[in-house]
Amino acid sequence: MPPMFKTSLHAISALALLCGAACGQPISTAQAVSDAKWADNVTVTVAADSFRYVSDSLPNHALADSYLIPIGQAQPFTDFEVKKTEGFVTATQIDVIIPLMPLYSETVTDTSLGMIGVMISGSRFFNDYENPQRSIVAMDDQHTQDGASFLDDCNAHPLQNGSAYHYHASPPCVSETVDSKGSHSIMIGVLLDGFPIFGPQGDGGVIVTNADLDECSGHVGATPEFPEGIYHYHLTITQAPYSIDCYHGVVDASVTTQMASPGGPPDFAAAAAKLGIERHTLTDALGEERPPNLEKAAATLGISVEVLRSALGPPPEAP
């Protein structure tokens, strides 16, 4: 779908671009977002100060034939079962609003379990961890059994219930389709704070290491999309952190709370359709509290809690 609105980077002064995020001056990412190589199942609508990203969450690259899925919730995982991908990995809607004028903050905010960003492939991006205590790094907890692996060759997997396919590190299935040898990586996603995400190649195609980046796996520098510089994140491939463990941008708490569930929010459109009401009627009743007060929402809608819970579906399982 063509974007509704594009903001020219030429409208921002050279001084602001040069100083950019390091000085707290926001830089528009509208042009880069508009021009990104989004998968066919991604709809990006660019507005004045934000963009809406909608996807069914399935990637535009091949999945593994099967996945090694943990049995139970106890961590570290020790018991697994092999699940064939066909009929198990399912679409799970992503519908999120992300700022186009990200603002750098000296105060960082930890990323949580669940979706912390979106990728051009159509899938979710998660942080490093498999547990809230941040003691288990997904990439370092790789298991293989009977020909199936916990993480696939794209450094990704679905949740235990087959939903919300997501990456825990730099996905070569994505970056290698847009990057060129000897050149800086191309933007492959956007974090919820609005700053762009890049693969492991820095200036001249040199592989970036954690020593080149700050505590949030980012730095200020030029990229193909932002030749005069912007704060941006890189995904490294040598050692943890492989993902992004904190936001260095000002982030909307309501969005990060909504996405903190590993599978993201329920499919409100589908739930509303089941109830025979408009989507906004359902979301207005649920309010901004997370988790929502189902008793209060059900009373507002004039239905039982059981009917509401059935329409929303079960909560997502652990990653």
C-alpha atoms as a PDB file:
ATOM      1  CA  MET A   1       0.000   0.000   0.000  1.00  0.00           C
ATOM      2  CA  PRO A   2       1.486   3.401  -0.901  1.00  0.00           C
ATOM      3  CA  PRO A   3       2.195   5.623   2.131  1.00  0.00           C
ATOM      4  CA  MET A   4      -0.265   8.379   2.991  1.00  0.00           C
ATOM      5  CA  PHE A   5       2.445  10.874   3.716  1.00  0.00           C
ATOM      6  CA  LYS A   6       6.160  11.282   3.246  1.00  0.00           C
ATOM      7  CA  THR A   7       8.438  13.711   5.035  1.00  0.00           C
ATOM      8  CA  SER A   8      11.541  14.864   3.184  1.00  0.00           C
ATOM      9  CA  LEU A   9      14.781  14.674   5.109  1.00  0.00           C
ATOM     10  CA  HIS A  10      15.924  17.760   3.195  1.00  0.00           C
ATOM     11  CA  ALA A  11      13.541  19.804   5.356  1.00  0.00           C
ATOM     12  CA  ILE A  12      15.787  19.206   8.358  1.00  0.00           C
ATOM     13  CA  SER A  13      18.851  21.414   8.644  1.00  0.00           C
ATOM     14  CA  ALA A  14      22.297  19.984   8.024  1.00  0.00           C
ATOM     15  CA  LEU A  15      23.291  21.052  11.532  1.00  0.00           C
ATOM     16  CA  ALA A  16      20.403  19.148  13.073  1.00  0.00           C
ATOM     17  CA  LEU A  17      21.282  16.039  11.088  1.00  0.00           C
ATOM     18  CA  LEU A  18      24.953  16.262  12.003  1.00  0.00           C
ATOM     19  CA  CYS A  19      24.196  16.781  15.681  1.00  0.00           C
ATOM     20  CA  GLY A  20      21.126  14.594  15.523  1.00  0.00           C
ATOM     21  CA  ALA A  21      20.290  12.095  18.193  1.00  0.00           C
ATOM     22  CA  ALA A  22      23.439  12.816  20.173  1.00  0.00           C
ATOM     23  CA  CYS A  23      22.127  16.326  20.861  1.00  0.00           C
ATOM     24  CA  GLY A  24      18.539  15.339  21.452  1.00  0.00           C
ATOM     25  CA  GLN A  25      17.385  16.731  18.090  1.00  0.00           C
ATOM     26  CA  PRO A  26      14.847  14.333  16.588  1.00  0.00           C
ATOM     27  CA  ILE A  27      15.377  13.241  12.981  1.00  0.00           C
ATOM     28  CA  SER A  28      12.510  12.141  10.776  1.00  0.00           C
ATOM     29  CA  THR A  29      12.670   8.511   9.657  1.00  0.00           C
ATOM     30  CA  ALA A  30       9.657   8.929   7.348  1.00  0.00           C
ATOM     31  CA  GLN A  31      11.597   8.639   4.092  1.00  0.00           C
ATOM     32  CA  ALA A  32      13.494   5.560   5.237  1.00  0.00           C
ATOM     33  CA  VAL A  33      10.309   3.902   6.479  1.00  0.00           C
ATOM     34  CA  SER A  34       8.520   4.706   3.235  1.00  0.00           C
ATOM     35  CA  ASP A  35      11.371   3.297   1.132  1.00  0.00           C
ATOM     36  CA  ALA A  36      12.109   0.194   3.231  1.00  0.00           C
ATOM     37  CA  LYS A  37      11.861  -3.210   1.567  1.00  0.00           C
ATOM     38  CA  TRP A  38       8.751  -4.356   3.422  1.00  0.00           C
ATOM     39  CA  ALA A  39       7.443  -7.866   2.733  1.00  0.00           C
ATOM     40  CA  ASP A  40       4.246  -8.270   0.738  1.00  0.00           C
ATOM     41  CA  ASN A  41       2.288  -9.200   3.872  1.00  0.00           C
ATOM     42  CA  VAL A  42       3.252  -5.926   5.603  1.00  0.00           C
ATOM     43  CA  THR A  43       1.139  -2.799   5.326  1.00  0.00           C
ATOM     44  CA  VAL A  44       2.891   0.394   6.392  1.00  0.00           C
ATOM     45  CA  THR A  45       0.880   3.601   6.571  1.00  0.00           C
ATOM     46  CA  VAL A  46       3.006   6.702   7.073  1.00  0.00           C
ATOM     47  CA  ALA A  47       1.369   9.690   8.779  1.00  0.00           C
ATOM     48  CA  ALA A  48       2.702  13.030   9.999  1.00  0.00           C
ATOM     49  CA  ASP A  49       4.580  11.860  13.090  1.00  0.00           C
ATOM     50  CA  SER A  50       4.132   8.078  13.227  1.00  0.00           C
ATOM     51  CA  PHE A  51       3.578   5.036  11.077  1.00  0.00           C
ATOM     52  CA  ARG A  52       1.280   2.072  11.462  1.00  0.00           C
ATOM     53  CA  TYR A  53       2.724  -1.396  10.868  1.00  0.00           C
ATOM     54  CA  VAL A  54       0.285  -4.234  10.217  1.00  0.00           C
ATOM     55  CA  SER A  55       1.298  -7.808   9.429  1.00  0.00           C
ATOM     56  CA  ASP A  56       0.167 -11.396   9.927  1.00  0.00           C
ATOM     57  CA  SER A  57       3.620 -12.018  11.525  1.00  0.00           C
ATOM     58  CA  LEU A  58       4.638 -14.805   9.145  1.00  0.00           C
ATOM     59  CA  PRO A  59       8.037 -14.087   7.543  1.00  0.00           C
ATOM     60  CA  ASN A  60       8.610 -13.784   3.818  1.00  0.00           C
ATOM     61  CA  HIS A  61      11.443 -16.308   4.017  1.00  0.00           C
ATOM     62  CA  ALA A  62      11.322 -20.064   4.451  1.00  0.00           C
ATOM     63  CA  LEU A  63      10.712 -21.596   7.872  1.00  0.00           C
ATOM     64  CA  ALA A  64      12.387 -24.705   9.227  1.00  0.00           C
ATOM     65  CA  ASP A  65      10.564 -27.977   8.541  1.00  0.00           C
ATOM     66  CA  SER A  66      10.141 -28.465  12.295  1.00  0.00           C
ATOM     67  CA  TYR A  67      10.904 -26.791  15.623  1.00  0.00           C
ATOM     68  CA  LEU A  68      12.067 -28.088  18.986  1.00  0.00           C
ATOM     69  CA  ILE A  69       9.390 -26.852  21.383  1.00  0.00           C
ATOM     70  CA  PRO A  70       9.882 -26.809  25.188  1.00  0.00           C
ATOM     71  CA  ILE A  71       7.475 -28.843  27.292  1.00  0.00           C
ATOM     72  CA  GLY A  72       6.227 -26.922  30.332  1.00  0.00           C
ATOM     73  CA  GLN A  73       7.192 -23.501  31.645  1.00  0.00           C
ATOM     74  CA  ALA A  74      10.120 -24.342  33.973  1.00  0.00           C
ATOM     75  CA  GLN A  75      13.390 -22.765  32.878  1.00  0.00           C
ATOM     76  CA  PRO A  76      16.016 -23.509  31.795  1.00  0.00           C
ATOM     77  CA  PHE A  77      14.117 -25.815  29.454  1.00  0.00           C
ATOM     78  CA  THR A  78      15.182 -29.451  29.602  1.00  0.00           C
ATOM     79  CA  ASP A  79      12.289 -31.329  27.988  1.00  0.00           C
ATOM     80  CA  PHE A  80      11.309 -30.783  24.369  1.00  0.00           C
ATOM     81  CA  GLU A  81       9.097 -32.157  21.652  1.00  0.00           C
ATOM     82  CA  VAL A  82       9.445 -31.910  17.900  1.00  0.00           C
ATOM     83  CA  LYS A  83       6.636 -30.038  16.162  1.00  0.00           C
ATOM     84  CA  LYS A  84       6.275 -30.098  12.390  1.00  0.00           C
ATOM     85  CA  THR A  85       5.958 -26.522  11.093  1.00  0.00           C
ATOM     86  CA  GLU A  86       3.002 -27.204   8.824  1.00  0.00           C
ATOM     87  CA  GLY A  87      -0.173 -26.887  10.851  1.00  0.00           C
ATOM     88  CA  PHE A  88       1.715 -25.673  13.929  1.00  0.00           C
ATOM     89  CA  VAL A  89       3.237 -22.262  13.156  1.00  0.00           C
ATOM     90  CA  THR A  90       0.333 -19.839  12.831  1.00  0.00           C
ATOM     91  CA  ALA A  91      -0.258 -16.245  11.798  1.00  0.00           C
ATOM     92  CA  THR A  92      -0.601 -13.805  14.706  1.00  0.00           C
ATOM     93  CA  GLN A  93      -1.563 -10.250  13.830  1.00  0.00           C
ATOM     94  CA  ILE A  94       0.767  -7.351  14.503  1.00  0.00           C
ATOM     95  CA  ASP A  95      -0.821  -3.904  14.558  1.00  0.00           C
ATOM     96  CA  VAL A  96       1.321  -1.211  16.131  1.00  0.00           C
ATOM     97  CA  ILE A  97       1.976   2.535  15.882  1.00  0.00           C
ATOM     98  CA  ILE A  98       5.650   3.609  15.918  1.00  0.00           C
ATOM     99  CA  PRO A  99       7.003   7.187  16.049  1.00  0.00           C
ATOM    100  CA  LEU A 100       8.678   8.756  13.001  1.00  0.00           C
ATOM    101  CA  MET A 101      10.556  11.400  15.014  1.00  0.00           C
ATOM    102  CA  PRO A 102      12.395   9.249  17.575  1.00  0.00           C
ATOM    103  CA  LEU A 103      13.938  11.196  20.422  1.00  0.00           C
ATOM    104  CA  TYR A 104      17.226  10.047  21.953  1.00  0.00           C
ATOM    105  CA  SER A 105      17.244   9.784  25.744  1.00  0.00           C
ATOM    106  CA  GLU A 106      20.249   9.636  28.049  1.00  0.00           C
ATOM    107  CA  THR A 107      18.103   7.504  30.343  1.00  0.00           C
ATOM    108  CA  VAL A 108      17.659   4.011  28.930  1.00  0.00           C
ATOM    109  CA  THR A 109      14.595   1.781  29.335  1.00  0.00           C
ATOM    110  CA  ASP A 110      14.984  -1.989  29.487  1.00  0.00           C
ATOM    111  CA  THR A 111      13.277  -3.921  26.727  1.00  0.00           C
ATOM    112  CA  SER A 112      10.906  -6.589  28.013  1.00  0.00           C
ATOM    113  CA  LEU A 113       9.961 -10.058  26.889  1.00  0.00           C
ATOM    114  CA  GLY A 114       7.653  -9.899  23.906  1.00  0.00           C
ATOM    115  CA  MET A 115       7.768  -7.749  20.810  1.00  0.00           C
ATOM    116  CA  ILE A 116      10.259  -4.871  20.994  1.00  0.00           C
ATOM    117  CA  GLY A 117      10.368  -4.071  17.290  1.00  0.00           C
ATOM    118  CA  VAL A 118       9.165  -5.006  13.823  1.00  0.00           C
ATOM    119  CA  MET A 119      11.114  -6.380  10.870  1.00  0.00           C
ATOM    120  CA  ILE A 120      10.831  -5.856   7.127  1.00  0.00           C
ATOM    121  CA  SER A 121      10.165  -9.594   6.766  1.00  0.00           C
ATOM    122  CA  GLY A 122       6.768  -9.224   8.455  1.00  0.00           C
ATOM    123  CA  SER A 123       7.768 -10.792  11.779  1.00  0.00           C
ATOM    124  CA  ARG A 124       8.372  -9.661  15.345  1.00  0.00           C
ATOM    125  CA  PHE A 125      11.696  -8.858  16.971  1.00  0.00           C
ATOM    126  CA  PHE A 126      12.377  -9.884  20.604  1.00  0.00           C
ATOM    127  CA  ASN A 127      15.243  -9.144  22.984  1.00  0.00           C
ATOM    128  CA  ASP A 128      17.928 -11.676  23.968  1.00  0.00           C
ATOM    129  CA  TYR A 129      16.115 -13.397  26.757  1.00  0.00           C
ATOM    130  CA  GLU A 130      13.837 -16.347  27.432  1.00  0.00           C
ATOM    131  CA  ASN A 131      12.911 -15.386  30.993  1.00  0.00           C
ATOM    132  CA  PRO A 132      12.003 -12.183  32.885  1.00  0.00           C
ATOM    133  CA  GLN A 133      15.095 -12.514  35.095  1.00  0.00           C
ATOM    134  CA  ARG A 134      17.328 -12.116  32.006  1.00  0.00           C
ATOM    135  CA  SER A 135      19.421 -15.111  32.995  1.00  0.00           C
ATOM    136  CA  ILE A 136      18.752 -17.262  29.918  1.00  0.00           C
ATOM    137  CA  VAL A 137      19.896 -15.972  26.521  1.00  0.00           C
ATOM    138  CA  ALA A 138      18.003 -17.641  23.680  1.00  0.00           C
ATOM    139  CA  MET A 139      21.018 -17.792  21.344  1.00  0.00           C
ATOM    140  CA  ASP A 140      23.165 -19.403  24.021  1.00  0.00           C
ATOM    141  CA  ASP A 141      20.403 -21.867  24.944  1.00  0.00           C
ATOM    142  CA  GLN A 142      20.218 -23.515  21.545  1.00  0.00           C
ATOM    143  CA  HIS A 143      19.128 -27.171  21.525  1.00  0.00           C
ATOM    144  CA  THR A 144      18.897 -29.683  18.682  1.00  0.00           C
ATOM    145  CA  GLN A 145      17.092 -32.992  18.872  1.00  0.00           C
ATOM    146  CA  ASP A 146      15.907 -35.433  16.218  1.00  0.00           C
ATOM    147  CA  GLY A 147      16.862 -32.999  13.466  1.00  0.00           C
ATOM    148  CA  ALA A 148      14.873 -30.097  14.931  1.00  0.00           C
ATOM    149  CA  SER A 149      16.324 -27.026  16.660  1.00  0.00           C
ATOM    150  CA  PHE A 150      15.052 -24.565  19.267  1.00  0.00           C
ATOM    151  CA  LEU A 151      16.072 -21.668  16.984  1.00  0.00           C
ATOM    152  CA  ASP A 152      16.134 -21.961  13.204  1.00  0.00           C
ATOM    153  CA  ASP A 153      18.806 -20.732  10.779  1.00  0.00           C
ATOM    154  CA  CYS A 154      17.221 -17.269  10.972  1.00  0.00           C
ATOM    155  CA  ASN A 155      17.817 -17.159  14.766  1.00  0.00           C
ATOM    156  CA  ALA A 156      14.071 -17.309  15.304  1.00  0.00           C
ATOM    157  CA  HIS A 157      11.229 -19.557  16.404  1.00  0.00           C
ATOM    158  CA  PRO A 158       7.532 -19.491  17.327  1.00  0.00           C
ATOM    159  CA  LEU A 159       6.141 -19.450  20.853  1.00  0.00           C
ATOM    160  CA  GLN A 160       5.279 -22.737  22.531  1.00  0.00           C
ATOM    161  CA  ASN A 161       1.771 -22.591  21.069  1.00  0.00           C
ATOM    162  CA  GLY A 162       3.018 -22.011  17.520  1.00  0.00           C
ATOM    163  CA  SER A 163       2.115 -18.323  17.406  1.00  0.00           C
ATOM    164  CA  ALA A 164       4.160 -15.125  17.094  1.00  0.00           C
ATOM    165  CA  TYR A 165       7.208 -16.240  15.100  1.00  0.00           C
ATOM    166  CA  HIS A 166      10.048 -13.944  16.231  1.00  0.00           C
ATOM    167  CA  TYR A 167      13.801 -13.277  16.011  1.00  0.00           C
ATOM    168  CA  HIS A 168      16.203 -13.190  18.960  1.00  0.00           C
ATOM    169  CA  ALA A 169      19.251 -12.012  17.003  1.00  0.00           C
ATOM    170  CA  SER A 170      20.434 -10.821  13.624  1.00  0.00           C
ATOM    171  CA  PRO A 171      18.422 -12.799  11.043  1.00  0.00           C
ATOM    172  CA  PRO A 172      20.620 -13.708   8.067  1.00  0.00           C
ATOM    173  CA  CYS A 173      17.476 -14.747   6.178  1.00  0.00           C
ATOM    174  CA  VAL A 174      16.540 -11.052   6.233  1.00  0.00           C
ATOM    175  CA  SER A 175      19.786  -9.071   6.263  1.00  0.00           C
ATOM    176  CA  GLU A 176      21.489 -11.102   3.533  1.00  0.00           C
ATOM    177  CA  THR A 177      18.656 -10.280   1.128  1.00  0.00           C
ATOM    178  CA  VAL A 178      19.325  -6.535   1.381  1.00  0.00           C
ATOM    179  CA  ASP A 179      22.975  -6.162   2.447  1.00  0.00           C
ATOM    180  CA  SER A 180      25.939  -5.984   0.074  1.00  0.00           C
ATOM    181  CA  LYS A 181      29.488  -7.083   0.797  1.00  0.00           C
ATOM    182  CA  GLY A 182      31.718  -4.145   1.646  1.00  0.00           C
ATOM    183  CA  SER A 183      28.831  -1.820   2.496  1.00  0.00           C
ATOM    184  CA  HIS A 184      26.965  -0.726   5.600  1.00  0.00           C
ATOM    185  CA  SER A 185      23.897  -2.823   6.391  1.00  0.00           C
ATOM    186  CA  ILE A 186      20.492  -1.727   5.125  1.00  0.00           C
ATOM    187  CA  MET A 187      17.660  -1.023   7.582  1.00  0.00           C
ATOM    188  CA  ILE A 188      15.882  -4.293   8.390  1.00  0.00           C
ATOM    189  CA  GLY A 189      13.486  -3.102  11.082  1.00  0.00           C
ATOM    190  CA  VAL A 190      12.420  -0.439  13.543  1.00  0.00           C
ATOM    191  CA  LEU A 191      12.396  -0.627  17.343  1.00  0.00           C
ATOM    192  CA  LEU A 192       9.286   0.499  19.202  1.00  0.00           C
ATOM    193  CA  ASP A 193      11.064   3.719  20.171  1.00  0.00           C
ATOM    194  CA  GLY A 194      11.277   4.582  16.461  1.00  0.00           C
ATOM    195  CA  PHE A 195      15.012   4.179  15.901  1.00  0.00           C
ATOM    196  CA  PRO A 196      16.079   1.940  12.996  1.00  0.00           C
ATOM    197  CA  ILE A 197      17.584  -1.535  13.297  1.00  0.00           C
ATOM    198  CA  PHE A 198      20.486  -2.730  11.129  1.00  0.00           C
ATOM    199  CA  GLY A 199      22.329  -5.991  10.612  1.00  0.00           C
ATOM    200  CA  PRO A 200      25.955  -6.656  11.606  1.00  0.00           C
ATOM    201  CA  GLN A 201      27.764  -4.645   8.916  1.00  0.00           C
ATOM    202  CA  GLY A 202      29.115  -1.205   9.748  1.00  0.00           C
ATOM    203  CA  ASP A 203      31.017   1.305   7.600  1.00  0.00           C
ATOM    204  CA  GLY A 204      32.711  -0.388   4.669  1.00  0.00           C
ATOM    205  CA  GLY A 205      31.001  -3.653   5.516  1.00  0.00           C
ATOM    206  CA  VAL A 206      33.161  -4.189   8.604  1.00  0.00           C
ATOM    207  CA  ILE A 207      31.432  -6.486  11.090  1.00  0.00           C
ATOM    208  CA  VAL A 208      30.265  -4.531  14.132  1.00  0.00           C
ATOM    209  CA  THR A 209      31.037  -5.916  17.590  1.00  0.00           C
ATOM    210  CA  ASN A 210      29.557  -5.044  20.961  1.00  0.00           C
ATOM    211  CA  ALA A 211      32.679  -3.003  21.701  1.00  0.00           C
ATOM    212  CA  ASP A 212      31.613  -0.612  18.922  1.00  0.00           C
ATOM    213  CA  LEU A 213      28.185  -0.041  20.477  1.00  0.00           C
ATOM    214  CA  ASP A 214      26.652   1.372  23.654  1.00  0.00           C
ATOM    215  CA  GLU A 215      24.748  -0.515  26.335  1.00  0.00           C
ATOM    216  CA  CYS A 216      21.662  -0.672  24.095  1.00  0.00           C
ATOM    217  CA  SER A 217      23.577  -2.015  21.060  1.00  0.00           C
ATOM    218  CA  GLY A 218      23.428   1.315  19.269  1.00  0.00           C
ATOM    219  CA  HIS A 219      25.492   4.321  18.257  1.00  0.00           C
ATOM    220  CA  VAL A 220      25.308   7.558  16.264  1.00  0.00           C
ATOM    221  CA  GLY A 221      26.620   7.297  12.731  1.00  0.00           C
ATOM    222  CA  ALA A 222      25.899   7.449   9.021  1.00  0.00           C
ATOM    223  CA  THR A 223      23.868   4.743   7.278  1.00  0.00           C
ATOM    224  CA  PRO A 224      22.757   4.407   3.645  1.00  0.00           C
ATOM    225  CA  GLU A 225      19.353   5.823   4.605  1.00  0.00           C
ATOM    226  CA  PHE A 226      20.783   8.557   6.855  1.00  0.00           C
ATOM    227  CA  PRO A 227      24.077   9.693   5.269  1.00  0.00           C
ATOM    228  CA  GLU A 228      24.397  12.595   7.703  1.00  0.00           C
ATOM    229  CA  GLY A 229      23.930  10.382  10.726  1.00  0.00           C
ATOM    230  CA  ILE A 230      21.324   9.101  13.147  1.00  0.00           C
ATOM    231  CA  TYR A 231      21.247   7.044  16.313  1.00  0.00           C
ATOM    232  CA  HIS A 232      20.594   3.446  15.267  1.00  0.00           C
ATOM    233  CA  TYR A 233      20.831  -0.123  16.547  1.00  0.00           C
ATOM    234  CA  HIS A 234      23.015  -2.959  15.208  1.00  0.00           C
ATOM    235  CA  LEU A 235      22.503  -6.688  15.701  1.00  0.00           C
ATOM    236  CA  THR A 236      25.808  -8.401  16.416  1.00  0.00           C
ATOM    237  CA  ILE A 237      26.668 -12.024  15.634  1.00  0.00           C
ATOM    238  CA  THR A 238      29.646 -12.913  17.829  1.00  0.00           C
ATOM    239  CA  GLN A 239      28.445 -12.782  21.439  1.00  0.00           C
ATOM    240  CA  ALA A 240      25.613 -11.592  23.675  1.00  0.00           C
ATOM    241  CA  PRO A 241      23.926  -9.187  23.528  1.00  0.00           C
ATOM    242  CA  TYR A 242      22.844 -10.420  20.108  1.00  0.00           C
ATOM    243  CA  SER A 243      19.636  -8.424  20.292  1.00  0.00           C
ATOM    244  CA  ILE A 244      18.671  -5.065  21.835  1.00  0.00           C
ATOM    245  CA  ASP A 245      18.360  -5.115  25.599  1.00  0.00           C
ATOM    246  CA  CYS A 246      17.319  -1.499  26.180  1.00  0.00           C
ATOM    247  CA  TYR A 247      15.755   1.445  24.389  1.00  0.00           C
ATOM    248  CA  HIS A 248      17.927   4.547  24.035  1.00  0.00           C
ATOM    249  CA  GLY A 249      14.957   6.411  22.648  1.00  0.00           C
ATOM    250  CA  VAL A 250      11.957   7.834  24.434  1.00  0.00           C
ATOM    251  CA  VAL A 251       9.410   5.039  24.275  1.00  0.00           C
ATOM    252  CA  ASP A 252       5.649   5.108  24.764  1.00  0.00           C
ATOM    253  CA  ALA A 253       4.993   3.079  27.910  1.00  0.00           C
ATOM    254  CA  SER A 254       1.483   2.202  26.770  1.00  0.00           C
ATOM    255  CA  VAL A 255       2.862   0.578  23.613  1.00  0.00           C
ATOM    256  CA  THR A 256       5.640  -1.350  25.334  1.00  0.00           C
ATOM    257  CA  THR A 257       3.228  -2.555  28.030  1.00  0.00           C
ATOM    258  CA  GLN A 258       0.773  -3.696  25.391  1.00  0.00           C
ATOM    259  CA  MET A 259       3.516  -5.609  23.573  1.00  0.00           C
ATOM    260  CA  ALA A 260       5.130  -7.015  26.726  1.00  0.00           C
ATOM    261  CA  SER A 261       3.147 -10.217  26.422  1.00  0.00           C
ATOM    262  CA  PRO A 262       5.410 -12.486  24.322  1.00  0.00           C
ATOM    263  CA  GLY A 263       2.777 -12.840  21.649  1.00  0.00           C
ATOM    264  CA  GLY A 264       1.781  -9.189  21.670  1.00  0.00           C
ATOM    265  CA  PRO A 265      -1.795  -8.060  22.149  1.00  0.00           C
ATOM    266  CA  PRO A 266      -4.842 -10.146  21.239  1.00  0.00           C
ATOM    267  CA  ASP A 267      -6.291  -9.787  17.751  1.00  0.00           C
ATOM    268  CA  PHE A 268      -8.846  -7.147  18.751  1.00  0.00           C
ATOM    269  CA  ALA A 269     -10.371  -6.994  15.264  1.00  0.00           C
ATOM    270  CA  ALA A 270     -11.054 -10.725  15.275  1.00  0.00           C
ATOM    271  CA  ALA A 271     -12.343 -10.621  18.856  1.00  0.00           C
ATOM    272  CA  ALA A 272     -14.678  -7.730  18.023  1.00  0.00           C
ATOM    273  CA  ALA A 273     -15.994  -9.623  15.005  1.00  0.00           C
ATOM    274  CA  LYS A 274     -16.778 -12.622  17.219  1.00  0.00           C
ATOM    275  CA  LEU A 275     -18.700 -10.342  19.570  1.00  0.00           C
ATOM    276  CA  GLY A 276     -20.509  -8.564  16.740  1.00  0.00           C
ATOM    277  CA  ILE A 277     -19.191  -5.127  17.687  1.00  0.00           C
ATOM    278  CA  GLU A 278     -16.749  -2.570  16.273  1.00  0.00           C
ATOM    279  CA  ARG A 279     -13.051  -2.890  17.128  1.00  0.00           C
ATOM    280  CA  HIS A 280     -12.956   0.552  18.780  1.00  0.00           C
ATOM    281  CA  THR A 281     -15.926  -0.394  20.963  1.00  0.00           C
ATOM    282  CA  LEU A 282     -13.970  -3.358  22.293  1.00  0.00           C
ATOM    283  CA  THR A 283     -10.695  -1.476  22.815  1.00  0.00           C
ATOM    284  CA  ASP A 284     -12.495   1.441  24.485  1.00  0.00           C
ATOM    285  CA  ALA A 285     -14.125  -0.991  26.920  1.00  0.00           C
ATOM    286  CA  LEU A 286     -10.798  -2.676  27.690  1.00  0.00           C
ATOM    287  CA  GLY A 287      -9.142   0.691  28.304  1.00  0.00           C
ATOM    288  CA  GLU A 288      -5.402   1.274  28.721  1.00  0.00           C
ATOM    289  CA  GLU A 289      -4.891  -0.839  31.834  1.00  0.00           C
ATOM    290  CA  ARG A 290      -2.660  -3.879  31.200  1.00  0.00           C
ATOM    291  CA  PRO A 291      -3.641  -6.549  31.831  1.00  0.00           C
ATOM    292  CA  PRO A 292      -7.154  -5.218  31.253  1.00  0.00           C
ATOM    293  CA  ASN A 293      -9.893  -5.512  33.856  1.00  0.00           C
ATOM    294  CA  LEU A 294     -12.081  -8.071  32.088  1.00  0.00           C
ATOM    295  CA  GLU A 295     -14.885  -7.810  34.642  1.00  0.00           C
ATOM    296  CA  LYS A 296     -15.162  -4.061  34.089  1.00  0.00           C
ATOM    297  CA  ALA A 297     -14.880  -4.391  30.308  1.00  0.00           C
ATOM    298  CA  ALA A 298     -17.510  -7.135  30.187  1.00  0.00           C
ATOM    299  CA  ALA A 299     -19.911  -5.023  32.257  1.00  0.00           C
ATOM    300  CA  THR A 300     -19.363  -2.083  29.902  1.00  0.00           C
ATOM    301  CA  LEU A 301     -20.132  -4.278  26.908  1.00  0.00           C
ATOM    302  CA  GLY A 302     -23.102  -5.943  28.588  1.00  0.00           C
ATOM    303  CA  ILE A 303     -21.714  -9.462  28.228  1.00  0.00           C
ATOM    304  CA  SER A 304     -20.299 -12.061  30.586  1.00  0.00           C
ATOM    305  CA  VAL A 305     -16.618 -12.314  31.419  1.00  0.00           C
ATOM    306  CA  GLU A 306     -16.620 -15.840  29.991  1.00  0.00           C
ATOM    307  CA  VAL A 307     -17.901 -14.620  26.613  1.00  0.00           C
ATOM    308  CA  LEU A 308     -15.316 -11.821  26.528  1.00  0.00           C
ATOM    309  CA  ARG A 309     -12.453 -14.111  27.525  1.00  0.00           C
ATOM    310  CA  SER A 310     -13.501 -16.635  24.880  1.00  0.00           C
ATOM    311  CA  ALA A 311     -13.486 -13.951  22.170  1.00  0.00           C
ATOM    312  CA  LEU A 312     -10.064 -12.630  23.194  1.00  0.00           C
ATOM    313  CA  GLY A 313      -8.600 -16.134  23.333  1.00  0.00           C
ATOM    314  CA  PRO A 314      -6.091 -17.587  25.786  1.00  0.00           C
ATOM    315  CA  PRO A 315      -3.071 -15.541  26.865  1.00  0.00           C
ATOM    316  CA  PRO A 316       0.110 -16.274  24.925  1.00  0.00           C
ATOM    317  CA  GLU A 317       2.539 -18.811  26.349  1.00  0.00           C
ATOM    318  CA  ALA A 318       6.090 -18.144  27.375  1.00  0.00           C
ATOM    319  CA  PRO A 319       8.693 -17.658  24.613  1.00  0.00           C
END
